[in-house]
Protein backbone atom coordinates (compact mmCIF):
# COMPACT_ATOMS: atom_id res chain seq x y z
CA MET A 1 107.66 96.09 91.43
CA ARG A 2 110.76 97.27 92.64
CA THR A 3 110.70 100.81 94.47
CA PRO A 4 113.23 103.14 96.06
CA ILE A 5 112.51 101.73 99.45
CA CYS A 6 113.62 98.20 98.31
CA ASP A 7 116.91 99.48 97.01
CA ARG A 8 117.34 101.71 100.54
CA LEU A 9 116.56 98.30 102.53
CA ASP A 10 117.74 95.69 100.09
CA ILE A 11 114.60 93.90 99.60
CA GLU A 12 113.15 92.27 96.79
CA PHE A 13 109.54 93.26 97.17
CA PRO A 14 107.83 96.41 98.80
CA ILE A 15 105.87 94.37 101.06
CA PHE A 16 106.31 95.05 104.95
CA ALA A 17 104.73 92.93 107.51
CA PHE A 18 104.08 93.76 111.28
CA SER A 19 103.80 90.79 113.56
CA HIS A 20 104.60 90.04 117.12
CA CYS A 21 105.75 86.48 116.26
CA ARG A 22 109.23 86.23 115.32
CA ASP A 23 108.64 83.16 113.14
CA VAL A 24 106.43 85.32 110.99
CA VAL A 25 108.89 88.18 110.90
CA ALA A 26 111.77 85.80 109.90
CA ALA A 27 109.68 84.08 107.37
CA VAL A 28 108.52 87.39 105.50
CA SER A 29 112.27 88.54 105.36
CA ARG A 30 113.38 85.37 104.07
CA ALA A 31 110.49 85.48 101.42
CA GLY A 32 111.83 88.93 99.88
CA GLY A 33 109.49 91.13 102.10
CA PHE A 34 110.53 93.22 105.10
CA GLY A 35 109.28 91.73 108.69
CA VAL A 36 108.87 93.91 111.54
CA LEU A 37 108.82 92.64 114.97
CA GLY A 38 106.17 94.55 117.24
CA ALA A 39 108.04 94.90 120.76
CA LEU A 40 105.40 96.19 122.90
CA TYR A 41 104.66 92.86 124.62
CA PHE A 42 108.01 92.03 125.37
CA THR A 43 110.25 93.08 128.48
CA PRO A 44 113.81 94.33 127.53
CA ALA A 45 115.13 90.97 128.48
CA GLU A 46 112.40 88.97 126.30
CA LEU A 47 113.05 91.54 123.71
CA GLU A 48 116.73 90.63 123.61
CA VAL A 49 115.65 86.77 123.36
CA GLU A 50 113.55 87.45 120.33
CA LEU A 51 115.94 89.59 118.24
CA ALA A 52 118.89 87.03 118.86
CA TRP A 53 116.44 84.36 117.35
CA ILE A 54 115.75 86.57 114.44
CA ASP A 55 119.18 87.16 113.91
CA GLU A 56 119.88 83.55 113.65
CA HIS A 57 116.84 82.47 111.41
CA VAL A 58 116.52 85.48 108.88
CA ASP A 59 119.54 84.21 106.92
CA GLY A 60 120.83 87.59 106.72
CA ARG A 61 117.83 89.47 105.34
CA PRO A 62 116.81 92.85 106.92
CA TYR A 63 114.00 93.20 109.24
CA GLY A 64 112.75 95.98 111.55
CA VAL A 65 111.44 96.69 115.00
CA ASP A 66 108.23 98.35 116.03
CA LEU A 67 108.06 100.40 119.44
CA VAL A 68 105.67 102.69 121.28
CA MET A 69 107.01 105.47 122.57
CA PRO A 70 104.30 108.22 122.80
CA ALA A 71 105.53 111.61 123.55
CA ASN A 72 102.44 112.82 125.07
CA LEU A 73 102.82 110.15 127.79
CA LEU A 74 106.06 111.41 128.59
CA GLU A 75 105.05 115.14 129.09
CA ALA A 76 102.04 113.92 131.26
CA ALA A 77 104.16 111.96 133.07
CA ARG A 78 106.81 114.85 133.50
CA ASP A 79 103.80 117.16 134.47
CA THR A 80 102.29 114.94 137.29
CA GLY A 81 105.91 114.49 138.78
CA LEU A 82 105.71 110.63 138.23
CA ASP A 83 108.81 108.81 139.43
CA PRO A 84 110.31 106.56 136.83
CA GLU A 85 111.55 104.25 139.29
CA ARG A 86 108.11 103.63 140.82
CA LEU A 87 105.93 104.35 137.58
CA GLU A 88 104.13 101.28 137.37
CA GLU A 89 103.22 101.39 141.29
CA GLN A 90 101.92 104.93 140.77
CA LEU A 91 99.93 104.32 137.49
CA GLU A 92 98.39 101.22 139.29
CA ALA A 93 96.99 103.55 142.01
CA MET A 94 95.21 105.87 139.54
CA ILE A 95 92.77 103.09 138.43
CA PRO A 96 89.50 103.83 139.91
CA ALA A 97 87.89 100.83 142.21
CA GLU A 98 84.91 101.01 139.92
CA HIS A 99 86.54 100.13 137.15
CA ARG A 100 88.34 97.10 138.70
CA GLU A 101 84.85 96.10 140.10
CA PHE A 102 83.45 96.24 136.64
CA VAL A 103 86.09 94.02 135.10
CA GLU A 104 85.39 91.52 137.76
CA LYS A 105 81.59 91.67 137.14
CA VAL A 106 81.84 90.84 133.67
CA LEU A 107 84.45 88.09 134.04
CA ALA A 108 81.86 86.60 136.53
CA GLU A 109 78.89 86.71 134.23
CA TYR A 110 80.61 84.53 131.75
CA GLY A 111 82.38 82.30 134.34
CA VAL A 112 85.87 83.15 133.63
CA PRO A 113 88.21 81.73 136.65
CA PRO A 114 90.81 83.87 138.17
CA LEU A 115 94.48 82.93 137.40
CA PRO A 116 96.18 80.26 139.29
CA ASP A 117 98.19 81.74 142.38
CA ASP A 118 101.36 80.01 140.91
CA LEU A 119 101.06 81.46 137.33
CA GLU A 120 103.13 84.21 136.49
CA ARG A 121 101.07 87.44 135.92
CA PRO A 122 101.12 89.14 132.53
CA HIS A 123 103.12 92.36 132.16
CA HIS A 124 100.90 95.66 132.90
CA LEU A 125 102.99 98.65 131.68
CA LEU A 126 105.44 97.50 128.82
CA GLY A 127 106.24 100.10 126.38
CA TRP A 128 103.38 102.37 126.67
CA THR A 129 105.62 105.10 128.10
CA ASP A 130 108.48 106.78 126.92
CA THR A 131 110.37 105.28 129.93
CA THR A 132 109.78 101.74 129.27
CA GLY A 133 110.06 102.30 125.41
CA ARG A 134 113.52 103.27 125.78
CA SER A 135 114.71 100.33 127.41
CA GLN A 136 113.40 98.34 124.39
CA LEU A 137 115.15 100.90 122.20
CA ASP A 138 118.31 100.12 124.07
CA VAL A 139 117.82 96.58 123.10
CA ALA A 140 116.94 96.89 119.51
CA LEU A 141 119.93 99.08 118.75
CA ARG A 142 122.14 96.35 119.68
CA HIS A 143 120.98 94.41 116.81
CA PRO A 144 121.17 94.55 113.17
CA ALA A 145 117.71 95.68 112.64
CA ARG A 146 117.46 98.26 109.57
CA MET A 147 114.22 100.25 110.43
CA LEU A 148 112.97 101.68 113.67
CA VAL A 149 109.06 102.18 113.94
CA ASN A 150 107.14 104.25 116.27
CA ALA A 151 103.65 102.83 116.43
CA LEU A 152 101.77 106.04 118.26
CA GLY A 153 102.41 109.68 117.68
CA PRO A 154 105.73 111.26 116.23
CA PRO A 155 108.78 109.54 117.45
CA PRO A 156 110.80 111.84 119.88
CA PRO A 157 113.18 113.81 117.82
CA ASP A 158 116.30 112.43 120.09
CA VAL A 159 115.17 108.90 119.18
CA VAL A 160 115.26 109.76 115.51
CA ARG A 161 118.81 111.14 115.72
CA LEU A 162 120.04 108.24 117.65
CA ALA A 163 118.51 105.70 115.17
CA HIS A 164 120.06 107.65 112.14
CA GLU A 165 123.30 107.47 113.91
CA HIS A 166 123.01 103.78 114.05
CA GLY A 167 122.20 103.79 110.45
CA LEU A 168 118.46 102.84 110.93
CA LEU A 169 115.61 104.41 108.79
CA VAL A 170 112.86 105.59 111.12
CA GLY A 171 109.01 105.12 110.28
CA ALA A 172 106.18 106.33 111.89
CA LEU A 173 102.33 105.43 111.45
CA ALA A 174 99.90 108.24 110.60
CA SER A 175 96.24 108.34 110.46
CA THR A 176 95.80 111.98 109.28
CA VAL A 177 97.78 114.25 106.84
CA ARG A 178 98.46 116.41 110.13
CA HIS A 179 100.22 113.51 111.76
CA ALA A 180 102.28 112.73 108.44
CA ARG A 181 103.70 116.41 108.43
CA LYS A 182 104.48 116.02 111.97
CA HIS A 183 106.48 113.00 111.21
CA ARG A 184 108.29 114.44 108.12
CA ASP A 185 109.23 117.61 110.32
CA ASN A 186 110.87 115.54 112.96
CA GLY A 187 113.02 113.76 110.45
CA VAL A 188 111.09 110.54 109.81
CA ASP A 189 112.17 108.63 106.91
CA VAL A 190 109.04 106.34 106.02
CA VAL A 191 105.56 107.56 106.95
CA ILE A 192 103.06 104.69 107.26
CA ALA A 193 99.66 105.86 106.18
CA GLN A 194 97.04 103.72 108.10
CA GLY A 195 93.50 103.81 107.19
CA THR A 196 90.65 103.14 109.37
CA GLU A 197 90.09 99.64 107.92
CA ALA A 198 93.45 98.52 109.64
CA GLY A 199 93.52 96.40 112.74
CA GLY A 200 94.77 97.85 116.00
CA HIS A 201 95.14 101.49 116.57
CA THR A 202 93.53 103.48 113.79
CA GLY A 203 92.11 106.86 112.75
CA GLU A 204 88.97 107.58 111.04
CA VAL A 205 89.88 108.25 107.50
CA ALA A 206 89.68 105.56 104.78
CA SER A 207 92.56 104.28 102.95
CA ILE A 208 91.76 105.34 99.50
CA VAL A 209 91.57 108.70 100.75
CA LEU A 210 94.43 108.97 103.05
CA TRP A 211 96.99 107.35 101.05
CA PRO A 212 97.22 110.16 98.15
CA GLU A 213 96.71 112.91 100.74
CA VAL A 214 99.71 111.64 102.59
CA VAL A 215 101.93 111.06 99.55
CA GLU A 216 101.07 114.65 98.37
CA ALA A 217 101.56 116.31 101.87
CA VAL A 218 105.08 114.83 102.54
CA GLY A 219 106.79 115.33 99.32
CA ASP A 220 109.50 113.35 97.77
CA ASP A 221 111.91 113.02 100.20
CA VAL A 222 109.76 110.69 102.75
CA ALA A 223 108.74 107.44 101.47
CA VAL A 224 105.07 106.36 102.02
CA LEU A 225 103.86 103.01 102.77
CA ALA A 226 100.09 102.33 102.80
CA ALA A 227 98.47 100.43 105.48
CA GLY A 228 94.82 99.48 106.05
CA GLY A 229 93.14 96.36 105.35
CA ILE A 230 95.54 95.23 102.83
CA GLY A 231 95.76 91.46 101.91
CA ARG A 232 95.19 91.10 98.27
CA GLY A 233 98.02 91.80 95.43
CA SER A 234 95.51 94.25 93.62
CA GLN A 235 95.36 96.54 96.63
CA VAL A 236 99.37 96.45 96.51
CA ALA A 237 99.00 97.71 92.79
CA ALA A 238 96.80 100.30 93.87
CA ALA A 239 98.94 101.74 96.75
CA LEU A 240 101.69 102.01 94.00
CA ALA A 241 99.42 103.47 91.47
CA MET A 242 98.67 106.27 94.25
CA GLY A 243 102.37 107.16 94.92
CA CYS A 244 103.36 104.92 97.70
CA GLN A 245 106.56 102.90 97.57
CA GLY A 246 105.19 99.81 99.29
CA VAL A 247 102.66 98.37 101.60
CA TRP A 248 102.29 97.81 105.39
CA THR A 249 100.45 94.85 106.32
CA GLY A 250 99.52 93.27 109.56
CA SER A 251 96.33 91.21 109.94
CA ILE A 252 96.90 88.56 107.23
CA TRP A 253 99.91 87.22 109.23
CA LEU A 254 97.64 86.23 112.22
CA THR A 255 96.31 83.04 110.09
CA VAL A 256 99.55 81.83 108.60
CA ALA A 257 101.01 78.58 109.57
CA GLU A 258 103.93 80.20 111.17
CA ALA A 259 101.92 82.54 113.53
CA ASP A 260 101.36 81.64 117.09
CA THR A 261 97.70 82.96 117.24
CA VAL A 262 95.82 80.83 120.05
CA PRO A 263 93.35 78.05 118.57
CA VAL A 264 90.23 79.85 119.57
CA ALA A 265 90.95 83.28 118.38
CA LEU A 266 92.38 81.61 115.02
CA GLU A 267 88.93 80.03 114.50
CA LYS A 268 87.10 83.04 115.24
CA LEU A 269 89.48 84.98 112.66
CA LEU A 270 88.81 82.56 110.08
CA ALA A 271 85.16 82.57 110.47
CA ALA A 272 84.72 86.37 110.68
CA ASP A 273 83.62 88.64 107.70
CA SER A 274 84.53 92.23 107.16
CA THR A 275 81.60 93.55 109.19
CA ASP A 276 82.72 91.61 112.48
CA THR A 277 85.30 94.41 113.47
CA VAL A 278 84.90 97.37 115.88
CA ARG A 279 86.98 100.31 116.89
CA SER A 280 86.91 100.17 120.36
CA ARG A 281 89.01 101.67 123.38
CA VAL A 282 88.46 98.70 125.40
CA LEU A 283 92.31 97.28 124.84
CA THR A 284 94.55 100.30 125.26
CA GLY A 285 92.23 103.42 125.98
CA LYS A 286 92.59 104.34 122.35
CA PRO A 287 90.61 103.58 119.50
CA ALA A 288 91.82 100.22 118.18
CA ARG A 289 90.08 98.09 115.50
CA GLN A 290 89.52 94.29 116.81
CA LEU A 291 87.06 91.49 116.49
CA ARG A 292 83.59 92.45 118.14
CA THR A 293 83.00 90.27 121.18
CA ALA A 294 81.03 89.91 124.24
CA TRP A 295 83.86 91.80 125.91
CA THR A 296 83.79 94.99 123.65
CA ASP A 297 80.06 94.88 123.64
CA ALA A 298 80.00 94.66 127.59
CA TRP A 299 82.04 98.14 127.76
CA GLU A 300 79.31 99.86 125.84
CA ARG A 301 76.73 98.84 128.43
CA PRO A 302 74.78 101.58 130.28
CA ASP A 303 76.52 100.13 133.54
CA SER A 304 80.23 100.40 132.10
CA PRO A 305 82.33 102.78 133.97
CA GLY A 306 83.87 103.91 130.68
CA TYR A 307 87.22 103.79 129.30
CA LEU A 308 90.62 104.88 131.08
CA PRO A 309 93.52 106.90 129.19
CA MET A 310 96.39 105.18 127.98
CA PRO A 311 98.17 103.30 129.52
CA LEU A 312 95.78 102.73 132.24
CA GLN A 313 92.98 100.94 130.36
CA PHE A 314 95.72 98.15 129.34
CA MET A 315 96.83 98.00 132.96
CA LEU A 316 93.40 97.37 133.87
CA VAL A 317 92.35 94.64 131.72
CA ALA A 318 95.87 92.89 131.18
CA ASP A 319 94.95 90.37 133.77
CA ALA A 320 91.52 89.96 132.33
CA PHE A 321 92.74 89.09 128.90
CA ALA A 322 95.28 86.68 130.42
CA ARG A 323 92.28 85.08 132.16
CA ILE A 324 90.00 85.00 128.96
CA ASN A 325 93.06 83.54 126.82
CA ARG A 326 93.67 80.89 129.37
CA SER A 327 90.17 79.85 129.74
CA GLN A 328 89.72 80.04 125.87
CA HIS A 329 86.27 81.41 126.20
CA PRO A 330 84.78 81.78 123.00
CA GLU A 331 82.29 84.58 123.46
CA LEU A 332 85.00 87.08 125.10
CA THR A 333 88.12 85.95 123.01
CA GLY A 334 88.99 88.35 120.58
CA PHE A 335 92.02 89.80 118.60
CA PRO A 336 93.15 93.23 117.11
CA VAL A 337 92.44 92.71 113.32
CA GLY A 338 91.58 94.77 110.24
CA GLN A 339 88.51 94.42 108.04
CA ILE A 340 90.55 92.47 105.96
CA VAL A 341 89.51 89.44 108.00
CA GLY A 342 86.79 88.72 105.64
CA SER A 343 89.35 87.45 103.18
CA MET A 344 91.41 85.46 105.73
CA ARG A 345 89.71 82.01 105.17
CA ARG A 346 92.42 79.47 105.51
CA VAL A 347 95.82 78.80 107.17
CA ARG A 348 98.68 79.25 104.61
CA PRO A 349 102.75 79.40 105.01
CA VAL A 350 104.00 82.73 104.75
CA ARG A 351 105.70 82.38 101.44
CA GLU A 352 102.50 81.18 99.89
CA VAL A 353 100.91 84.39 100.97
CA MET A 354 103.90 86.55 99.73
CA PHE A 355 103.70 84.70 96.39
CA ASP A 356 100.08 85.50 95.94
CA LEU A 357 100.26 89.19 96.76
CA VAL A 358 103.50 89.74 94.35
CA ASP A 359 101.88 87.42 91.70
CA GLU A 360 98.42 89.50 91.70
CA ALA A 361 100.18 92.99 92.20
CA VAL A 362 101.92 92.12 88.84
CA THR A 363 99.34 90.55 87.16
CA THR A 364 97.13 93.91 88.03
CA MET A 365 99.72 96.28 86.87
CA GLN A 366 99.89 94.60 83.46
CA ARG A 367 96.30 94.53 83.26
CA LEU A 368 96.17 98.23 83.62
CA GLY A 369 99.04 98.54 81.47
CA ALA A 370 97.45 96.76 78.59
CA MET A 371 94.36 98.72 79.21
CA SER A 372 96.31 102.08 78.84
CA THR A 373 98.06 101.02 75.45
CA GLY A 374 95.02 99.40 73.91
């Protein structure tokens, strides 16, 4: 099951695992895959701590870092004359009062209390803009990560050049062939073709349609990883059969023993089936697949003021999510997750999940090989 991307990154199996949890990232890399830390929710100082910990616990195995630096937000900031030194303050002022009032109204309906005065407030801006994302980039480049991934849109060309100068491969997610071609033209080494079944930000094209389209579109010089609802070894084999060099997984790591998923969310993930997710703009302003909850339903009501563009929507709801998580409210608690959630039935260690993925993929390929020679 070794593919060219395995040789380029010195990994045993072409299984990439995205997670915001450092323990999961390190465990996947130690098990022969390639862990990728989602850096969005960390300040630069926090990211430094996370990456230093991974460096110490990954046993010398390679790993990557996923950042969010959407170029269109940078252009919008320049066009509107925003001051990078006062960026968060200026963006906060753009959030309409009616949206803030609606958030408080929904929380009151479900009896969610405010955060205590002495509790540190959650971050609001994070890496949603080029300005904040580059601070995270500076931190990432100080560590021995082997791949830098941009999660939204084409990575800025100067970032691609800088990463290459530091010896890193550059990856980017694509939900359409048009996106994939833009990444290729920007010098990206790895295109992650993410079908609509995936958790988090997704497009509308199904994986089985998107994967071979992207492989054909970008040519032989760009590696393609298949993403979107992958949680079985047979799906890994299918992706390789379509010309992908590996798979990009995310949701399945939310319920492993090493994950830091909060208990009420973990319980809901384990109980959900594949019809219990919805693509909603409620989290960030862009369509993101997540568990359907009373919170996502509320934003579709007639009295909803509608969604704000990125990054304003996240800034609007950041405190609300902190309040919901603190209260562990079962009706409002959700999580970004893909349709593979219906197969996530029990908590297992990372190594067991990796073994099952590899074992089933090999078994599937052997079965197909026997059929072709029979």
